[in-house]
Amino acid sequence: PAVAIIEQNQTVHSIQFSTEGSYLVTGSDDGVVRIWGQSGNSRWTERATIAHNRPVHLVKFVMEMTHVLVCCDNRAILYKLNPKSLSFSV
């Protein structure tokens, strides 16, 4: 049986859990990177988003979850994660 369901509007191309398993990052055809956080009882809620104009092909937590690497089309972009607010900067 399914433990949790995380829905997005379009096809998800990339997903990765954080090292400790309390966050995950997804990238999809709608061009949005989403960071999800576990909120108890196997429920996941969207905590932050990074919008792009093109489909996202790869997302990954890197550098001990201090950054998120996003690949779309011919670009790879590294975003710094602010753990207190889950906000990002290039």
N, C-alpha and C. Protein backbone atom coordinates (compact mmCIF):
# COMPACT_ATOMS: atom_id res chain seq x y z
N PRO A 1 0.82 -1.21 0.00
CA PRO A 1 0.00 0.00 0.00
C PRO A 1 0.86 1.26 0.00
N ALA A 2 0.34 2.33 -0.59
CA ALA A 2 1.06 3.60 -0.64
C ALA A 2 1.17 4.19 0.77
N VAL A 3 2.34 4.70 1.08
CA VAL A 3 2.57 5.34 2.37
C VAL A 3 2.27 6.83 2.29
N ALA A 4 2.61 7.44 1.15
CA ALA A 4 2.36 8.86 0.95
C ALA A 4 2.19 9.11 -0.55
N ILE A 5 1.40 10.12 -0.88
CA ILE A 5 1.21 10.52 -2.26
C ILE A 5 1.55 12.00 -2.37
N ILE A 6 2.43 12.33 -3.30
CA ILE A 6 2.82 13.71 -3.54
C ILE A 6 2.43 14.01 -4.97
N GLU A 7 1.47 14.91 -5.15
CA GLU A 7 0.95 15.19 -6.48
C GLU A 7 1.49 16.49 -7.04
N GLN A 8 1.73 16.49 -8.34
CA GLN A 8 2.13 17.69 -9.06
C GLN A 8 1.28 17.80 -10.30
N ASN A 9 1.30 18.97 -10.95
CA ASN A 9 0.45 19.22 -12.11
C ASN A 9 0.90 18.49 -13.36
N GLN A 10 2.21 18.27 -13.50
CA GLN A 10 2.73 17.64 -14.72
C GLN A 10 3.75 16.57 -14.36
N THR A 11 4.28 15.91 -15.37
CA THR A 11 5.19 14.79 -15.19
C THR A 11 6.41 15.18 -14.37
N VAL A 12 6.72 14.38 -13.36
CA VAL A 12 7.91 14.57 -12.51
C VAL A 12 9.07 13.83 -13.16
N HIS A 13 10.18 14.55 -13.40
CA HIS A 13 11.36 13.95 -14.02
C HIS A 13 12.43 13.61 -13.00
N SER A 14 12.42 14.29 -11.86
CA SER A 14 13.48 14.07 -10.89
C SER A 14 12.94 14.25 -9.48
N ILE A 15 13.40 13.38 -8.59
CA ILE A 15 13.00 13.46 -7.18
C ILE A 15 14.14 12.92 -6.33
N GLN A 16 14.37 13.58 -5.19
CA GLN A 16 15.41 13.10 -4.29
C GLN A 16 15.04 13.43 -2.85
N PHE A 17 15.24 12.46 -1.97
CA PHE A 17 15.07 12.68 -0.54
C PHE A 17 16.33 13.31 0.04
N SER A 18 16.15 14.14 1.08
CA SER A 18 17.29 14.65 1.82
C SER A 18 17.93 13.49 2.57
N THR A 19 19.14 13.70 3.04
CA THR A 19 19.89 12.64 3.72
C THR A 19 19.14 12.05 4.90
N GLU A 20 18.52 12.90 5.69
CA GLU A 20 17.82 12.42 6.88
C GLU A 20 16.38 12.00 6.58
N GLY A 21 15.89 12.26 5.36
CA GLY A 21 14.59 11.79 4.95
C GLY A 21 13.40 12.68 5.29
N SER A 22 13.65 13.87 5.84
CA SER A 22 12.53 14.73 6.22
C SER A 22 12.15 15.74 5.14
N TYR A 23 12.93 15.84 4.09
CA TYR A 23 12.62 16.72 2.95
C TYR A 23 12.79 15.94 1.67
N LEU A 24 12.12 16.41 0.63
CA LEU A 24 12.42 15.91 -0.70
C LEU A 24 12.26 17.05 -1.68
N VAL A 25 12.94 16.92 -2.81
CA VAL A 25 12.90 17.94 -3.85
C VAL A 25 12.43 17.25 -5.13
N THR A 26 11.54 17.95 -5.88
CA THR A 26 11.02 17.40 -7.12
C THR A 26 11.18 18.44 -8.23
N GLY A 27 11.35 17.95 -9.45
CA GLY A 27 11.40 18.80 -10.63
C GLY A 27 10.52 18.20 -11.71
N SER A 28 9.76 19.04 -12.43
CA SER A 28 8.78 18.50 -13.36
C SER A 28 8.67 19.33 -14.64
N ASP A 29 7.79 18.85 -15.53
CA ASP A 29 7.55 19.51 -16.81
C ASP A 29 6.99 20.92 -16.67
N ASP A 30 6.34 21.23 -15.55
CA ASP A 30 5.77 22.57 -15.40
C ASP A 30 6.82 23.63 -15.09
N GLY A 31 8.10 23.22 -14.98
CA GLY A 31 9.18 24.17 -14.76
C GLY A 31 9.33 24.60 -13.32
N VAL A 32 8.68 23.91 -12.40
CA VAL A 32 8.75 24.30 -10.99
C VAL A 32 9.49 23.24 -10.20
N VAL A 33 10.48 23.70 -9.42
CA VAL A 33 11.16 22.86 -8.44
C VAL A 33 10.43 23.05 -7.13
N ARG A 34 10.07 21.96 -6.50
CA ARG A 34 9.35 22.05 -5.23
C ARG A 34 10.14 21.34 -4.14
N ILE A 35 10.24 22.00 -2.99
CA ILE A 35 10.81 21.38 -1.80
C ILE A 35 9.64 21.01 -0.90
N TRP A 36 9.58 19.76 -0.50
CA TRP A 36 8.51 19.24 0.34
C TRP A 36 9.08 18.89 1.70
N GLY A 37 8.30 19.11 2.75
CA GLY A 37 8.71 18.74 4.10
C GLY A 37 7.68 17.83 4.72
N GLN A 38 8.17 16.91 5.52
CA GLN A 38 7.28 15.98 6.19
C GLN A 38 6.61 16.68 7.36
N SER A 39 5.30 16.53 7.47
CA SER A 39 4.57 17.21 8.52
C SER A 39 3.79 16.25 9.41
N GLY A 40 4.33 15.07 9.60
CA GLY A 40 3.72 14.09 10.48
C GLY A 40 2.69 13.24 9.78
N ASN A 41 2.44 12.06 10.32
CA ASN A 41 1.46 11.12 9.79
C ASN A 41 1.65 10.86 8.30
N SER A 42 2.90 10.80 7.86
CA SER A 42 3.25 10.54 6.45
C SER A 42 2.70 11.60 5.49
N ARG A 43 2.39 12.78 5.99
CA ARG A 43 1.91 13.86 5.13
C ARG A 43 3.08 14.73 4.71
N TRP A 44 3.08 15.13 3.46
CA TRP A 44 4.12 16.00 2.91
C TRP A 44 3.48 17.30 2.47
N THR A 45 4.08 18.43 2.84
CA THR A 45 3.57 19.73 2.43
C THR A 45 4.65 20.49 1.67
N GLU A 46 4.21 21.28 0.71
CA GLU A 46 5.13 22.09 -0.08
C GLU A 46 5.69 23.20 0.79
N ARG A 47 7.01 23.31 0.88
CA ARG A 47 7.66 24.30 1.73
C ARG A 47 8.27 25.46 0.94
N ALA A 48 8.68 25.19 -0.29
CA ALA A 48 9.31 26.24 -1.11
C ALA A 48 9.23 25.84 -2.58
N THR A 49 9.30 26.84 -3.46
CA THR A 49 9.30 26.58 -4.90
C THR A 49 10.35 27.45 -5.58
N ILE A 50 10.84 26.97 -6.69
CA ILE A 50 11.74 27.73 -7.56
C ILE A 50 11.16 27.59 -8.96
N ALA A 51 10.74 28.69 -9.56
CA ALA A 51 10.09 28.66 -10.87
C ALA A 51 11.11 28.85 -12.00
N HIS A 52 10.92 28.09 -13.07
CA HIS A 52 11.73 28.19 -14.29
C HIS A 52 10.78 28.27 -15.47
N ASN A 53 11.30 28.74 -16.61
CA ASN A 53 10.49 28.84 -17.82
C ASN A 53 10.46 27.56 -18.63
N ARG A 54 11.28 26.61 -18.28
CA ARG A 54 11.40 25.37 -19.05
C ARG A 54 11.24 24.16 -18.13
N PRO A 55 10.95 22.99 -18.69
CA PRO A 55 10.86 21.78 -17.88
C PRO A 55 12.16 21.51 -17.12
N VAL A 56 12.03 21.02 -15.92
CA VAL A 56 13.18 20.69 -15.08
C VAL A 56 13.49 19.21 -15.25
N HIS A 57 14.75 18.92 -15.60
CA HIS A 57 15.15 17.55 -15.89
C HIS A 57 15.83 16.87 -14.71
N LEU A 58 16.47 17.66 -13.83
CA LEU A 58 17.19 17.08 -12.71
C LEU A 58 17.17 18.05 -11.54
N VAL A 59 16.91 17.53 -10.35
CA VAL A 59 17.04 18.29 -9.12
C VAL A 59 17.79 17.43 -8.12
N LYS A 60 18.59 18.07 -7.27
CA LYS A 60 19.38 17.30 -6.34
C LYS A 60 19.83 18.17 -5.18
N PHE A 61 19.69 17.66 -3.95
CA PHE A 61 20.31 18.30 -2.81
C PHE A 61 21.80 18.04 -2.90
N VAL A 62 22.62 19.08 -2.71
CA VAL A 62 24.07 18.92 -2.77
C VAL A 62 24.71 19.66 -1.60
N MET A 63 26.00 19.42 -1.40
CA MET A 63 26.79 20.08 -0.36
C MET A 63 26.12 19.95 1.00
N GLU A 64 25.80 18.71 1.37
CA GLU A 64 25.18 18.42 2.67
C GLU A 64 23.87 19.18 2.88
N MET A 65 23.08 19.26 1.83
CA MET A 65 21.76 19.90 1.82
C MET A 65 21.81 21.41 2.09
N THR A 66 22.90 22.04 1.73
CA THR A 66 22.97 23.50 1.83
C THR A 66 22.62 24.15 0.50
N HIS A 67 22.56 23.35 -0.57
CA HIS A 67 22.26 23.86 -1.90
C HIS A 67 21.36 22.87 -2.65
N VAL A 68 20.70 23.38 -3.68
CA VAL A 68 19.91 22.55 -4.60
C VAL A 68 20.45 22.80 -6.00
N LEU A 69 20.79 21.74 -6.71
CA LEU A 69 21.24 21.81 -8.09
C LEU A 69 20.04 21.55 -8.99
N VAL A 70 19.80 22.45 -9.96
CA VAL A 70 18.67 22.33 -10.88
C VAL A 70 19.20 22.35 -12.30
N CYS A 71 18.79 21.37 -13.11
CA CYS A 71 19.17 21.33 -14.51
C CYS A 71 17.92 21.42 -15.37
N CYS A 72 17.91 22.41 -16.27
CA CYS A 72 16.83 22.55 -17.23
C CYS A 72 17.43 23.05 -18.53
N ASP A 73 17.02 22.39 -19.61
CA ASP A 73 17.57 22.66 -20.94
C ASP A 73 19.09 22.58 -20.90
N ASN A 74 19.75 23.64 -21.30
CA ASN A 74 21.21 23.62 -21.37
C ASN A 74 21.88 24.33 -20.20
N ARG A 75 21.16 24.46 -19.08
CA ARG A 75 21.72 25.17 -17.92
C ARG A 75 21.66 24.31 -16.66
N ALA A 76 22.68 24.49 -15.84
CA ALA A 76 22.68 23.92 -14.49
C ALA A 76 22.81 25.11 -13.54
N ILE A 77 21.89 25.21 -12.60
CA ILE A 77 21.85 26.35 -11.68
C ILE A 77 21.95 25.82 -10.26
N LEU A 78 22.80 26.46 -9.47
CA LEU A 78 22.99 26.07 -8.08
C LEU A 78 22.33 27.13 -7.20
N TYR A 79 21.39 26.70 -6.37
CA TYR A 79 20.69 27.60 -5.45
C TYR A 79 21.14 27.32 -4.03
N LYS A 80 21.39 28.36 -3.28
CA LYS A 80 21.74 28.21 -1.87
C LYS A 80 20.47 28.13 -1.05
N LEU A 81 20.41 27.14 -0.18
CA LEU A 81 19.24 26.91 0.66
C LEU A 81 19.40 27.63 1.98
N ASN A 82 18.37 28.40 2.36
CA ASN A 82 18.33 29.03 3.68
C ASN A 82 17.46 28.13 4.54
N PRO A 83 18.06 27.32 5.41
CA PRO A 83 17.27 26.32 6.13
C PRO A 83 16.19 26.90 7.06
N LYS A 84 16.35 28.11 7.53
CA LYS A 84 15.35 28.67 8.44
C LYS A 84 14.04 28.96 7.73
N SER A 85 14.12 29.51 6.53
CA SER A 85 12.91 29.88 5.83
C SER A 85 12.68 29.06 4.56
N LEU A 86 13.63 28.17 4.26
CA LEU A 86 13.60 27.43 3.01
C LEU A 86 13.44 28.34 1.81
N SER A 87 14.24 29.40 1.79
CA SER A 87 14.25 30.29 0.63
C SER A 87 15.57 30.07 -0.11
N PHE A 88 15.65 30.60 -1.31
CA PHE A 88 16.79 30.31 -2.16
C PHE A 88 17.40 31.56 -2.77
N SER A 89 18.68 31.47 -3.09
CA SER A 89 19.34 32.53 -3.84
C SER A 89 20.31 31.88 -4.82
N VAL A 90 20.58 32.57 -5.93
CA VAL A 90 21.48 32.03 -6.95
C VAL A 90 22.89 32.37 -6.55
